[in-house]
Amino acid sequence: MHPALATALTRIAAHEGCDRSALPPLYDAVDPEALTTVLESNADVTVRFEYGGYRVVVGSDPDEVTVIDADR
């Protein structure tokens, strides 16, 4: 799993007040392996998807992660 995806899951778990393992499977929202391939492609990319009631914006750098409550 790409570190940016791990960061997104950690931030969502913190918002939810739970452990990452309590979150729904990521593959219900996106294909984590395909997303990792895109993020590691050395291209300047940004990927957006919805997961668990949140909008997630991920760049190729592990620090380029934004998690927004989808209800906002």
PDB file of N, CA and C in Angstrom:
ATOM      1  N   MET A   1       0.852  -1.177   0.000  1.00  0.00           N
ATOM      2  CA  MET A   1       0.000   0.000   0.000  1.00  0.00           C
ATOM      3  C   MET A   1       0.895   1.237   0.000  1.00  0.00           C
ATOM      4  N   HIS A   2       0.526   2.181  -0.848  1.00  0.00           N
ATOM      5  CA  HIS A   2       1.277   3.436  -0.920  1.00  0.00           C
ATOM      6  C   HIS A   2       1.153   4.169   0.415  1.00  0.00           C
ATOM      7  N   PRO A   3       2.244   4.801   0.873  1.00  0.00           N
ATOM      8  CA  PRO A   3       2.195   5.524   2.159  1.00  0.00           C
ATOM      9  C   PRO A   3       1.107   6.599   2.212  1.00  0.00           C
ATOM     10  N   ALA A   4       0.790   7.216   1.082  1.00  0.00           N
ATOM     11  CA  ALA A   4      -0.265   8.240   1.084  1.00  0.00           C
ATOM     12  C   ALA A   4      -1.626   7.623   1.407  1.00  0.00           C
ATOM     13  N   LEU A   5      -1.865   6.406   0.926  1.00  0.00           N
ATOM     14  CA  LEU A   5      -3.117   5.721   1.264  1.00  0.00           C
ATOM     15  C   LEU A   5      -3.166   5.382   2.743  1.00  0.00           C
ATOM     16  N   ALA A   6      -2.043   4.939   3.286  1.00  0.00           N
ATOM     17  CA  ALA A   6      -1.975   4.649   4.717  1.00  0.00           C
ATOM     18  C   ALA A   6      -2.241   5.916   5.529  1.00  0.00           C
ATOM     19  N   THR A   7      -1.695   7.039   5.072  1.00  0.00           N
ATOM     20  CA  THR A   7      -1.934   8.317   5.749  1.00  0.00           C
ATOM     21  C   THR A   7      -3.412   8.674   5.716  1.00  0.00           C
ATOM     22  N   ALA A   8      -4.043   8.487   4.559  1.00  0.00           N
ATOM     23  CA  ALA A   8      -5.479   8.789   4.442  1.00  0.00           C
ATOM     24  C   ALA A   8      -6.287   7.939   5.407  1.00  0.00           C
ATOM     25  N   LEU A   9      -5.987   6.643   5.464  1.00  0.00           N
ATOM     26  CA  LEU A   9      -6.718   5.753   6.366  1.00  0.00           C
ATOM     27  C   LEU A   9      -6.499   6.140   7.825  1.00  0.00           C
ATOM     28  N   THR A  10      -5.284   6.508   8.168  1.00  0.00           N
ATOM     29  CA  THR A  10      -4.980   6.931   9.535  1.00  0.00           C
ATOM     30  C   THR A  10      -5.764   8.184   9.899  1.00  0.00           C
ATOM     31  N   ARG A  11      -5.845   9.136   8.978  1.00  0.00           N
ATOM     32  CA  ARG A  11      -6.589  10.373   9.242  1.00  0.00           C
ATOM     33  C   ARG A  11      -8.086  10.112   9.371  1.00  0.00           C
ATOM     34  N   ILE A  12      -8.619   9.237   8.529  1.00  0.00           N
ATOM     35  CA  ILE A  12     -10.042   8.903   8.622  1.00  0.00           C
ATOM     36  C   ILE A  12     -10.327   8.193   9.942  1.00  0.00           C
ATOM     37  N   ALA A  13      -9.475   7.269  10.329  1.00  0.00           N
ATOM     38  CA  ALA A  13      -9.650   6.571  11.611  1.00  0.00           C
ATOM     39  C   ALA A  13      -9.621   7.563  12.767  1.00  0.00           C
ATOM     40  N   ALA A  14      -8.733   8.549  12.698  1.00  0.00           N
ATOM     41  CA  ALA A  14      -8.673   9.569  13.754  1.00  0.00           C
ATOM     42  C   ALA A  14      -9.970  10.370  13.792  1.00  0.00           C
ATOM     43  N   HIS A  15     -10.505  10.733  12.628  1.00  0.00           N
ATOM     44  CA  HIS A  15     -11.784  11.460  12.578  1.00  0.00           C
ATOM     45  C   HIS A  15     -12.906  10.618  13.184  1.00  0.00           C
ATOM     46  N   GLU A  16     -12.857   9.314  12.919  1.00  0.00           N
ATOM     47  CA  GLU A  16     -13.901   8.405  13.394  1.00  0.00           C
ATOM     48  C   GLU A  16     -13.673   7.957  14.845  1.00  0.00           C
ATOM     49  N   GLY A  17     -12.484   8.205  15.369  1.00  0.00           N
ATOM     50  CA  GLY A  17     -12.180   7.781  16.735  1.00  0.00           C
ATOM     51  C   GLY A  17     -12.048   6.275  16.863  1.00  0.00           C
ATOM     52  N   CYS A  18     -11.451   5.655  15.830  1.00  0.00           N
ATOM     53  CA  CYS A  18     -11.299   4.205  15.863  1.00  0.00           C
ATOM     54  C   CYS A  18      -9.932   3.814  15.305  1.00  0.00           C
ATOM     55  N   ASP A  19      -9.634   2.545  15.371  1.00  0.00           N
ATOM     56  CA  ASP A  19      -8.420   2.000  14.789  1.00  0.00           C
ATOM     57  C   ASP A  19      -8.640   1.816  13.285  1.00  0.00           C
ATOM     58  N   ARG A  20      -7.562   1.891  12.509  1.00  0.00           N
ATOM     59  CA  ARG A  20      -7.678   1.690  11.055  1.00  0.00           C
ATOM     60  C   ARG A  20      -8.321   0.359  10.705  1.00  0.00           C
ATOM     61  N   SER A  21      -8.081  -0.646  11.513  1.00  0.00           N
ATOM     62  CA  SER A  21      -8.627  -1.979  11.222  1.00  0.00           C
ATOM     63  C   SER A  21     -10.154  -2.017  11.329  1.00  0.00           C
ATOM     64  N   ALA A  22     -10.747  -1.021  11.991  1.00  0.00           N
ATOM     65  CA  ALA A  22     -12.201  -0.969  12.138  1.00  0.00           C
ATOM     66  C   ALA A  22     -12.887  -0.304  10.933  1.00  0.00           C
ATOM     67  N   LEU A  23     -12.100   0.275  10.033  1.00  0.00           N
ATOM     68  CA  LEU A  23     -12.661   0.926   8.846  1.00  0.00           C
ATOM     69  C   LEU A  23     -13.081  -0.121   7.817  1.00  0.00           C
ATOM     70  N   PRO A  24     -14.018   0.241   6.941  1.00  0.00           N
ATOM     71  CA  PRO A  24     -14.400  -0.694   5.878  1.00  0.00           C
ATOM     72  C   PRO A  24     -13.207  -0.947   4.958  1.00  0.00           C
ATOM     73  N   PRO A  25     -13.206  -2.070   4.247  1.00  0.00           N
ATOM     74  CA  PRO A  25     -12.096  -2.363   3.346  1.00  0.00           C
ATOM     75  C   PRO A  25     -11.931  -1.270   2.281  1.00  0.00           C
ATOM     76  N   LEU A  26     -10.704  -0.845   2.075  1.00  0.00           N
ATOM     77  CA  LEU A  26     -10.422   0.192   1.092  1.00  0.00           C
ATOM     78  C   LEU A  26     -10.844  -0.243  -0.303  1.00  0.00           C
ATOM     79  N   TYR A  27     -10.688  -1.524  -0.593  1.00  0.00           N
ATOM     80  CA  TYR A  27     -11.009  -2.014  -1.939  1.00  0.00           C
ATOM     81  C   TYR A  27     -12.501  -1.916  -2.261  1.00  0.00           C
ATOM     82  N   ASP A  28     -13.342  -1.594  -1.277  1.00  0.00           N
ATOM     83  CA  ASP A  28     -14.748  -1.335  -1.567  1.00  0.00           C
ATOM     84  C   ASP A  28     -14.923  -0.008  -2.305  1.00  0.00           C
ATOM     85  N   ALA A  29     -13.937   0.884  -2.173  1.00  0.00           N
ATOM     86  CA  ALA A  29     -14.011   2.205  -2.805  1.00  0.00           C
ATOM     87  C   ALA A  29     -13.095   2.329  -4.021  1.00  0.00           C
ATOM     88  N   VAL A  30     -11.888   1.777  -3.926  1.00  0.00           N
ATOM     89  CA  VAL A  30     -10.903   1.864  -5.008  1.00  0.00           C
ATOM     90  C   VAL A  30     -10.081   0.583  -5.035  1.00  0.00           C
ATOM     91  N   ASP A  31      -9.365   0.397  -6.128  1.00  0.00           N
ATOM     92  CA  ASP A  31      -8.427  -0.716  -6.230  1.00  0.00           C
ATOM     93  C   ASP A  31      -7.090  -0.217  -5.674  1.00  0.00           C
ATOM     94  N   PRO A  32      -6.725  -0.601  -4.440  1.00  0.00           N
ATOM     95  CA  PRO A  32      -5.509  -0.070  -3.823  1.00  0.00           C
ATOM     96  C   PRO A  32      -4.241  -0.375  -4.627  1.00  0.00           C
ATOM     97  N   GLU A  33      -4.176  -1.542  -5.248  1.00  0.00           N
ATOM     98  CA  GLU A  33      -2.985  -1.886  -6.018  1.00  0.00           C
ATOM     99  C   GLU A  33      -2.861  -0.998  -7.254  1.00  0.00           C
ATOM    100  N   ALA A  34      -3.963  -0.786  -7.951  1.00  0.00           N
ATOM    101  CA  ALA A  34      -3.940   0.084  -9.132  1.00  0.00           C
ATOM    102  C   ALA A  34      -3.617   1.518  -8.728  1.00  0.00           C
ATOM    103  N   LEU A  35      -4.188   1.971  -7.628  1.00  0.00           N
ATOM    104  CA  LEU A  35      -3.925   3.317  -7.153  1.00  0.00           C
ATOM    105  C   LEU A  35      -2.460   3.477  -6.775  1.00  0.00           C
ATOM    106  N   THR A  36      -1.876   2.472  -6.132  1.00  0.00           N
ATOM    107  CA  THR A  36      -0.455   2.511  -5.792  1.00  0.00           C
ATOM    108  C   THR A  36       0.391   2.595  -7.053  1.00  0.00           C
ATOM    109  N   THR A  37       0.032   1.827  -8.075  1.00  0.00           N
ATOM    110  CA  THR A  37       0.764   1.872  -9.342  1.00  0.00           C
ATOM    111  C   THR A  37       0.730   3.273  -9.940  1.00  0.00           C
ATOM    112  N   VAL A  38      -0.430   3.905  -9.926  1.00  0.00           N
ATOM    113  CA  VAL A  38      -0.559   5.264 -10.455  1.00  0.00           C
ATOM    114  C   VAL A  38       0.279   6.236  -9.632  1.00  0.00           C
ATOM    115  N   LEU A  39       0.189   6.147  -8.308  1.00  0.00           N
ATOM    116  CA  LEU A  39       0.913   7.078  -7.448  1.00  0.00           C
ATOM    117  C   LEU A  39       2.421   6.891  -7.539  1.00  0.00           C
ATOM    118  N   GLU A  40       2.874   5.687  -7.844  1.00  0.00           N
ATOM    119  CA  GLU A  40       4.310   5.420  -7.949  1.00  0.00           C
ATOM    120  C   GLU A  40       4.830   5.549  -9.382  1.00  0.00           C
ATOM    121  N   SER A  41       4.020   6.057 -10.279  1.00  0.00           N
ATOM    122  CA  SER A  41       4.386   6.135 -11.691  1.00  0.00           C
ATOM    123  C   SER A  41       5.354   7.270 -12.013  1.00  0.00           C
ATOM    124  N   ASN A  42       5.764   8.023 -11.025  1.00  0.00           N
ATOM    125  CA  ASN A  42       6.659   9.175 -11.200  1.00  0.00           C
ATOM    126  C   ASN A  42       5.989  10.315 -11.967  1.00  0.00           C
ATOM    127  N   ALA A  43       4.709  10.239 -12.133  1.00  0.00           N
ATOM    128  CA  ALA A  43       3.968  11.329 -12.766  1.00  0.00           C
ATOM    129  C   ALA A  43       3.445  12.260 -11.678  1.00  0.00           C
ATOM    130  N   ASP A  44       3.233  13.488 -12.044  1.00  0.00           N
ATOM    131  CA  ASP A  44       2.650  14.447 -11.115  1.00  0.00           C
ATOM    132  C   ASP A  44       1.142  14.245 -11.160  1.00  0.00           C
ATOM    133  N   VAL A  45       0.637  13.373 -10.287  1.00  0.00           N
ATOM    134  CA  VAL A  45      -0.771  12.995 -10.318  1.00  0.00           C
ATOM    135  C   VAL A  45      -1.477  13.364  -9.025  1.00  0.00           C
ATOM    136  N   THR A  46      -2.767  13.536  -9.156  1.00  0.00           N
ATOM    137  CA  THR A  46      -3.651  13.707  -8.013  1.00  0.00           C
ATOM    138  C   THR A  46      -4.839  12.794  -8.243  1.00  0.00           C
ATOM    139  N   VAL A  47      -5.188  12.021  -7.237  1.00  0.00           N
ATOM    140  CA  VAL A  47      -6.305  11.088  -7.335  1.00  0.00           C
ATOM    141  C   VAL A  47      -7.335  11.470  -6.283  1.00  0.00           C
ATOM    142  N   ARG A  48      -8.597  11.477  -6.703  1.00  0.00           N
ATOM    143  CA  ARG A  48      -9.697  11.791  -5.789  1.00  0.00           C
ATOM    144  C   ARG A  48     -10.670  10.618  -5.777  1.00  0.00           C
ATOM    145  N   PHE A  49     -11.136  10.281  -4.584  1.00  0.00           N
ATOM    146  CA  PHE A  49     -12.147   9.234  -4.471  1.00  0.00           C
ATOM    147  C   PHE A  49     -12.896   9.413  -3.165  1.00  0.00           C
ATOM    148  N   GLU A  50     -14.066   8.777  -3.076  1.00  0.00           N
ATOM    149  CA  GLU A  50     -14.844   8.797  -1.840  1.00  0.00           C
ATOM    150  C   GLU A  50     -14.688   7.463  -1.146  1.00  0.00           C
ATOM    151  N   TYR A  51     -14.571   7.544   0.165  1.00  0.00           N
ATOM    152  CA  TYR A  51     -14.379   6.334   0.968  1.00  0.00           C
ATOM    153  C   TYR A  51     -14.944   6.567   2.358  1.00  0.00           C
ATOM    154  N   GLY A  52     -15.835   5.710   2.775  1.00  0.00           N
ATOM    155  CA  GLY A  52     -16.353   5.744   4.140  1.00  0.00           C
ATOM    156  C   GLY A  52     -16.962   7.064   4.553  1.00  0.00           C
ATOM    157  N   GLY A  53     -17.586   7.773   3.618  1.00  0.00           N
ATOM    158  CA  GLY A  53     -18.203   9.057   3.951  1.00  0.00           C
ATOM    159  C   GLY A  53     -17.238  10.229   3.896  1.00  0.00           C
ATOM    160  N   TYR A  54     -16.074  10.038   3.321  1.00  0.00           N
ATOM    161  CA  TYR A  54     -15.062  11.090   3.201  1.00  0.00           C
ATOM    162  C   TYR A  54     -14.637  11.241   1.751  1.00  0.00           C
ATOM    163  N   ARG A  55     -14.282  12.457   1.397  1.00  0.00           N
ATOM    164  CA  ARG A  55     -13.625  12.711   0.111  1.00  0.00           C
ATOM    165  C   ARG A  55     -12.129  12.683   0.388  1.00  0.00           C
ATOM    166  N   VAL A  56     -11.412  11.896  -0.390  1.00  0.00           N
ATOM    167  CA  VAL A  56      -9.973  11.734  -0.198  1.00  0.00           C
ATOM    168  C   VAL A  56      -9.271  12.245  -1.448  1.00  0.00           C
ATOM    169  N   VAL A  57      -8.283  13.104  -1.242  1.00  0.00           N
ATOM    170  CA  VAL A  57      -7.465  13.623  -2.334  1.00  0.00           C
ATOM    171  C   VAL A  57      -6.028  13.241  -2.012  1.00  0.00           C
ATOM    172  N   VAL A  58      -5.412  12.483  -2.933  1.00  0.00           N
ATOM    173  CA  VAL A  58      -4.080  11.940  -2.696  1.00  0.00           C
ATOM    174  C   VAL A  58      -3.165  12.318  -3.850  1.00  0.00           C
ATOM    175  N   GLY A  59      -1.981  12.821  -3.501  1.00  0.00           N
ATOM    176  CA  GLY A  59      -0.945  13.082  -4.489  1.00  0.00           C
ATOM    177  C   GLY A  59       0.123  12.011  -4.379  1.00  0.00           C
ATOM    178  N   SER A  60       1.118  12.071  -5.227  1.00  0.00           N
ATOM    179  CA  SER A  60       2.153  11.040  -5.231  1.00  0.00           C
ATOM    180  C   SER A  60       3.065  11.106  -4.004  1.00  0.00           C
ATOM    181  N   ASP A  61       3.129  12.242  -3.346  1.00  0.00           N
ATOM    182  CA  ASP A  61       3.915  12.395  -2.126  1.00  0.00           C
ATOM    183  C   ASP A  61       3.055  11.958  -0.932  1.00  0.00           C
ATOM    184  N   PRO A  62       3.587  11.150  -0.016  1.00  0.00           N
ATOM    185  CA  PRO A  62       2.795  10.691   1.136  1.00  0.00           C
ATOM    186  C   PRO A  62       2.214  11.822   1.983  1.00  0.00           C
ATOM    187  N   ASP A  63       2.809  13.025   1.883  1.00  0.00           N
ATOM    188  CA  ASP A  63       2.288  14.153   2.645  1.00  0.00           C
ATOM    189  C   ASP A  63       1.175  14.896   1.914  1.00  0.00           C
ATOM    190  N   GLU A  64       0.923  14.542   0.656  1.00  0.00           N
ATOM    191  CA  GLU A  64      -0.117  15.193  -0.137  1.00  0.00           C
ATOM    192  C   GLU A  64      -1.433  14.433   0.015  1.00  0.00           C
ATOM    193  N   VAL A  65      -2.007  14.523   1.204  1.00  0.00           N
ATOM    194  CA  VAL A  65      -3.248  13.812   1.499  1.00  0.00           C
ATOM    195  C   VAL A  65      -4.229  14.778   2.160  1.00  0.00           C
ATOM    196  N   THR A  66      -5.425  14.844   1.603  1.00  0.00           N
ATOM    197  CA  THR A  66      -6.480  15.657   2.188  1.00  0.00           C
ATOM    198  C   THR A  66      -7.692  14.758   2.397  1.00  0.00           C
ATOM    199  N   VAL A  67      -8.269  14.844   3.582  1.00  0.00           N
ATOM    200  CA  VAL A  67      -9.465  14.068   3.905  1.00  0.00           C
ATOM    201  C   VAL A  67     -10.540  15.070   4.332  1.00  0.00           C
ATOM    202  N   ILE A  68     -11.673  15.035   3.616  1.00  0.00           N
ATOM    203  CA  ILE A  68     -12.756  15.976   3.862  1.00  0.00           C
ATOM    204  C   ILE A  68     -14.025  15.193   4.137  1.00  0.00           C
ATOM    205  N   ASP A  69     -14.729  15.552   5.187  1.00  0.00           N
ATOM    206  CA  ASP A  69     -16.020  14.927   5.488  1.00  0.00           C
ATOM    207  C   ASP A  69     -16.941  15.195   4.314  1.00  0.00           C
ATOM    208  N   ALA A  70     -17.481  14.153   3.713  1.00  0.00           N
ATOM    209  CA  ALA A  70     -18.320  14.276   2.514  1.00  0.00           C
ATOM    210  C   ALA A  70     -19.605  15.062   2.776  1.00  0.00           C
ATOM    211  N   ASP A  71     -20.007  15.193   4.034  1.00  0.00           N
ATOM    212  CA  ASP A  71     -21.228  15.927   4.357  1.00  0.00           C
ATOM    213  C   ASP A  71     -21.024  17.431   4.346  1.00  0.00           C
ATOM    214  N   ARG A  72     -19.801  17.877   4.220  1.00  0.00           N
ATOM    215  CA  ARG A  72     -19.534  19.318   4.221  1.00  0.00           C
ATOM    216  C   ARG A  72     -19.794  19.912   2.877  1.00  0.00           C
TER     217      ARG A  72
END
